[in-house]
């Protein structure tokens, strides 16, 4: 069963009223930590995207790359101006 944000907020508030000052400060510290937390793009992309990225890096590190300028020369007739 999916819980709504309003239901979560209500439940949190029910617990907060029972906490003392020190416990509330601790909860606030935890909440601030979560609020500052940034997700790494790597953790957001799919496993397939991670594997494709890893493969691309391996190809690049082994010298299997084509310079951007060379690609642009080869395909310039398809580039709209």
N, C-alpha and C. Protein backbone atom coordinates (compact mmCIF):
# COMPACT_ATOMS: atom_id res chain seq x y z
N UNK A 1 0.84 -1.19 0.00
CA UNK A 1 0.00 0.00 0.00
C UNK A 1 0.88 1.25 0.00
N UNK A 2 0.61 2.15 -0.92
CA UNK A 2 1.39 3.37 -1.05
C UNK A 2 0.91 4.40 -0.02
N UNK A 3 1.88 4.97 0.69
CA UNK A 3 1.57 5.96 1.72
C UNK A 3 1.77 7.35 1.13
N UNK A 4 0.82 8.24 1.36
CA UNK A 4 0.93 9.60 0.84
C UNK A 4 1.88 10.43 1.70
N UNK A 5 2.36 11.49 1.14
CA UNK A 5 3.25 12.40 1.87
C UNK A 5 2.53 12.98 3.08
N UNK A 6 1.26 13.32 2.91
CA UNK A 6 0.48 13.88 4.01
C UNK A 6 0.39 12.89 5.17
N UNK A 7 0.21 11.61 4.85
CA UNK A 7 0.14 10.59 5.89
C UNK A 7 1.48 10.43 6.61
N UNK A 8 2.55 10.50 5.84
CA UNK A 8 3.89 10.41 6.44
C UNK A 8 4.14 11.60 7.35
N UNK A 9 3.81 12.81 6.87
CA UNK A 9 3.98 14.02 7.68
C UNK A 9 3.19 13.92 8.99
N UNK A 10 1.96 13.44 8.88
CA UNK A 10 1.10 13.30 10.07
C UNK A 10 1.72 12.33 11.08
N UNK A 11 2.22 11.21 10.58
CA UNK A 11 2.82 10.21 11.47
C UNK A 11 4.09 10.74 12.12
N UNK A 12 4.92 11.44 11.35
CA UNK A 12 6.13 12.04 11.93
C UNK A 12 5.76 13.01 13.04
N UNK A 13 4.78 13.86 12.78
CA UNK A 13 4.36 14.84 13.78
C UNK A 13 3.82 14.19 15.04
N UNK A 14 3.16 13.05 14.90
CA UNK A 14 2.66 12.34 16.07
C UNK A 14 3.80 11.87 16.97
N UNK A 15 4.91 11.47 16.35
CA UNK A 15 6.07 11.04 17.14
C UNK A 15 6.84 12.23 17.73
N UNK A 16 6.93 13.31 16.98
CA UNK A 16 7.73 14.46 17.43
C UNK A 16 7.24 15.05 18.74
N UNK A 17 5.94 15.08 18.95
CA UNK A 17 5.40 15.68 20.18
C UNK A 17 5.84 14.91 21.42
N UNK A 18 6.24 13.66 21.26
CA UNK A 18 6.65 12.84 22.41
C UNK A 18 8.15 12.91 22.70
N UNK A 19 8.89 13.63 21.89
CA UNK A 19 10.34 13.70 22.07
C UNK A 19 10.75 14.86 22.96
N UNK A 20 11.86 14.67 23.67
CA UNK A 20 12.40 15.79 24.45
C UNK A 20 13.27 16.66 23.54
N UNK A 21 13.79 17.75 24.09
CA UNK A 21 14.55 18.72 23.29
C UNK A 21 15.77 18.07 22.63
N UNK A 22 16.53 17.29 23.37
CA UNK A 22 17.73 16.66 22.81
C UNK A 22 17.37 15.70 21.67
N UNK A 23 16.32 14.93 21.85
CA UNK A 23 15.89 14.01 20.79
C UNK A 23 15.44 14.77 19.54
N UNK A 24 14.75 15.89 19.75
CA UNK A 24 14.32 16.71 18.62
C UNK A 24 15.52 17.29 17.88
N UNK A 25 16.55 17.70 18.63
CA UNK A 25 17.77 18.22 18.00
C UNK A 25 18.44 17.13 17.16
N UNK A 26 18.43 15.91 17.69
CA UNK A 26 19.02 14.79 16.95
C UNK A 26 18.24 14.51 15.67
N UNK A 27 16.92 14.51 15.77
CA UNK A 27 16.08 14.30 14.59
C UNK A 27 16.33 15.40 13.57
N UNK A 28 16.45 16.64 14.02
CA UNK A 28 16.70 17.76 13.13
C UNK A 28 18.04 17.58 12.40
N UNK A 29 19.06 17.12 13.11
CA UNK A 29 20.36 16.88 12.50
C UNK A 29 20.24 15.83 11.39
N UNK A 30 19.50 14.77 11.66
CA UNK A 30 19.30 13.72 10.66
C UNK A 30 18.55 14.27 9.44
N UNK A 31 17.50 15.02 9.68
CA UNK A 31 16.70 15.59 8.59
C UNK A 31 17.56 16.52 7.74
N UNK A 32 18.37 17.37 8.38
CA UNK A 32 19.25 18.27 7.64
C UNK A 32 20.26 17.49 6.80
N UNK A 33 20.76 16.39 7.34
CA UNK A 33 21.70 15.56 6.60
C UNK A 33 21.05 15.00 5.34
N UNK A 34 19.83 14.48 5.48
CA UNK A 34 19.11 13.96 4.31
C UNK A 34 18.84 15.08 3.31
N UNK A 35 18.50 16.27 3.78
CA UNK A 35 18.17 17.39 2.90
C UNK A 35 19.38 17.83 2.09
N UNK A 36 20.57 17.72 2.66
CA UNK A 36 21.80 18.13 1.97
C UNK A 36 22.34 17.04 1.06
N UNK A 37 21.88 15.83 1.25
CA UNK A 37 22.40 14.70 0.49
C UNK A 37 22.07 14.84 -0.98
N UNK A 38 23.09 14.67 -1.79
CA UNK A 38 22.92 14.74 -3.24
C UNK A 38 23.06 13.33 -3.80
N UNK A 39 22.21 13.01 -4.75
CA UNK A 39 22.31 11.72 -5.41
C UNK A 39 23.37 11.80 -6.49
N UNK A 40 24.19 10.80 -6.55
CA UNK A 40 25.18 10.70 -7.61
C UNK A 40 24.47 10.23 -8.87
N UNK A 41 24.77 10.83 -10.00
CA UNK A 41 24.11 10.46 -11.25
C UNK A 41 24.27 8.98 -11.55
N UNK A 42 25.39 8.40 -11.13
CA UNK A 42 25.66 6.98 -11.38
C UNK A 42 24.60 6.10 -10.71
N UNK A 43 24.14 6.49 -9.55
CA UNK A 43 23.15 5.71 -8.81
C UNK A 43 21.74 5.88 -9.38
N UNK A 44 21.55 6.86 -10.25
CA UNK A 44 20.24 7.14 -10.79
C UNK A 44 20.03 6.46 -12.15
N UNK A 45 21.12 6.27 -12.90
CA UNK A 45 20.98 5.66 -14.23
C UNK A 45 20.78 4.15 -14.11
N UNK A 46 20.27 3.54 -15.17
CA UNK A 46 19.98 2.10 -15.17
C UNK A 46 21.26 1.28 -15.23
N UNK A 47 21.14 0.00 -14.92
CA UNK A 47 22.28 -0.92 -15.01
C UNK A 47 22.81 -0.97 -16.44
N UNK A 48 21.90 -0.95 -17.41
CA UNK A 48 22.32 -0.97 -18.82
C UNK A 48 23.15 0.26 -19.16
N UNK A 49 22.72 1.41 -18.66
CA UNK A 49 23.48 2.65 -18.90
C UNK A 49 24.83 2.59 -18.20
N UNK A 50 24.88 2.03 -17.01
CA UNK A 50 26.16 1.88 -16.31
C UNK A 50 27.09 0.98 -17.09
N UNK A 51 26.56 -0.14 -17.60
CA UNK A 51 27.39 -1.07 -18.37
C UNK A 51 27.89 -0.42 -19.66
N UNK A 52 27.03 0.33 -20.35
CA UNK A 52 27.43 1.00 -21.58
C UNK A 52 28.51 2.05 -21.29
N UNK A 53 28.37 2.75 -20.19
CA UNK A 53 29.37 3.75 -19.81
C UNK A 53 30.70 3.07 -19.49
N UNK A 54 30.65 1.98 -18.73
CA UNK A 54 31.87 1.23 -18.41
C UNK A 54 32.56 0.75 -19.68
N UNK A 55 31.77 0.22 -20.61
CA UNK A 55 32.33 -0.28 -21.87
C UNK A 55 32.98 0.86 -22.66
N UNK A 56 32.32 2.01 -22.69
CA UNK A 56 32.87 3.17 -23.39
C UNK A 56 34.19 3.61 -22.79
N UNK A 57 34.27 3.60 -21.48
CA UNK A 57 35.51 3.99 -20.80
C UNK A 57 36.62 3.01 -21.12
N UNK A 58 36.31 1.70 -21.14
CA UNK A 58 37.31 0.70 -21.50
C UNK A 58 37.80 0.92 -22.93
N UNK A 59 36.89 1.19 -23.85
CA UNK A 59 37.27 1.46 -25.24
C UNK A 59 38.15 2.70 -25.33
N UNK A 60 37.79 3.73 -24.61
CA UNK A 60 38.57 4.97 -24.63
C UNK A 60 39.97 4.72 -24.08
N UNK A 61 40.04 4.01 -22.95
CA UNK A 61 41.34 3.75 -22.33
C UNK A 61 42.24 2.85 -23.19
N UNK A 62 41.64 2.04 -24.05
CA UNK A 62 42.43 1.17 -24.91
C UNK A 62 42.75 1.83 -26.26
N UNK A 63 42.37 3.09 -26.41
CA UNK A 63 42.70 3.84 -27.62
C UNK A 63 41.71 3.70 -28.75
N UNK A 64 40.58 3.08 -28.49
CA UNK A 64 39.57 2.90 -29.53
C UNK A 64 38.65 4.12 -29.57
N UNK A 65 39.23 5.24 -30.00
CA UNK A 65 38.47 6.48 -30.07
C UNK A 65 38.70 7.15 -31.42
N UNK A 66 37.77 8.00 -31.80
CA UNK A 66 37.90 8.80 -33.02
C UNK A 66 37.76 10.25 -32.59
N UNK A 67 38.66 11.07 -33.06
CA UNK A 67 38.64 12.49 -32.71
C UNK A 67 37.35 13.13 -33.21
N UNK A 68 36.82 14.06 -32.44
CA UNK A 68 35.59 14.76 -32.79
C UNK A 68 35.72 15.42 -34.16
N UNK A 69 36.84 16.05 -34.42
CA UNK A 69 37.05 16.73 -35.70
C UNK A 69 36.97 15.75 -36.86
N UNK A 70 37.49 14.54 -36.70
CA UNK A 70 37.43 13.53 -37.75
C UNK A 70 35.99 13.09 -38.01
N UNK A 71 35.23 12.92 -36.96
CA UNK A 71 33.82 12.54 -37.11
C UNK A 71 33.06 13.65 -37.82
N UNK A 72 33.31 14.89 -37.43
CA UNK A 72 32.62 16.02 -38.04
C UNK A 72 32.94 16.11 -39.54
N UNK A 73 34.19 15.86 -39.91
CA UNK A 73 34.58 15.87 -41.33
C UNK A 73 33.83 14.79 -42.10
N UNK A 74 33.79 13.61 -41.52
CA UNK A 74 33.18 12.46 -42.19
C UNK A 74 31.68 12.65 -42.41
N UNK A 75 31.01 13.25 -41.45
CA UNK A 75 29.55 13.35 -41.51
C UNK A 75 29.04 14.77 -41.73
N UNK A 76 29.90 15.66 -42.25
CA UNK A 76 29.50 17.06 -42.38
C UNK A 76 28.32 17.27 -43.32
N UNK A 77 28.11 16.37 -44.28
CA UNK A 77 26.99 16.56 -45.20
C UNK A 77 25.64 16.34 -44.52
N UNK A 78 25.63 15.67 -43.36
CA UNK A 78 24.38 15.44 -42.63
C UNK A 78 24.11 16.50 -41.57
N UNK A 79 25.07 17.34 -41.35
CA UNK A 79 24.92 18.38 -40.33
C UNK A 79 24.20 19.58 -40.93
N UNK A 80 23.09 19.97 -40.32
CA UNK A 80 22.33 21.12 -40.80
C UNK A 80 22.96 22.39 -40.25
N UNK A 81 22.97 23.41 -41.07
CA UNK A 81 23.55 24.70 -40.64
C UNK A 81 22.49 25.73 -40.45
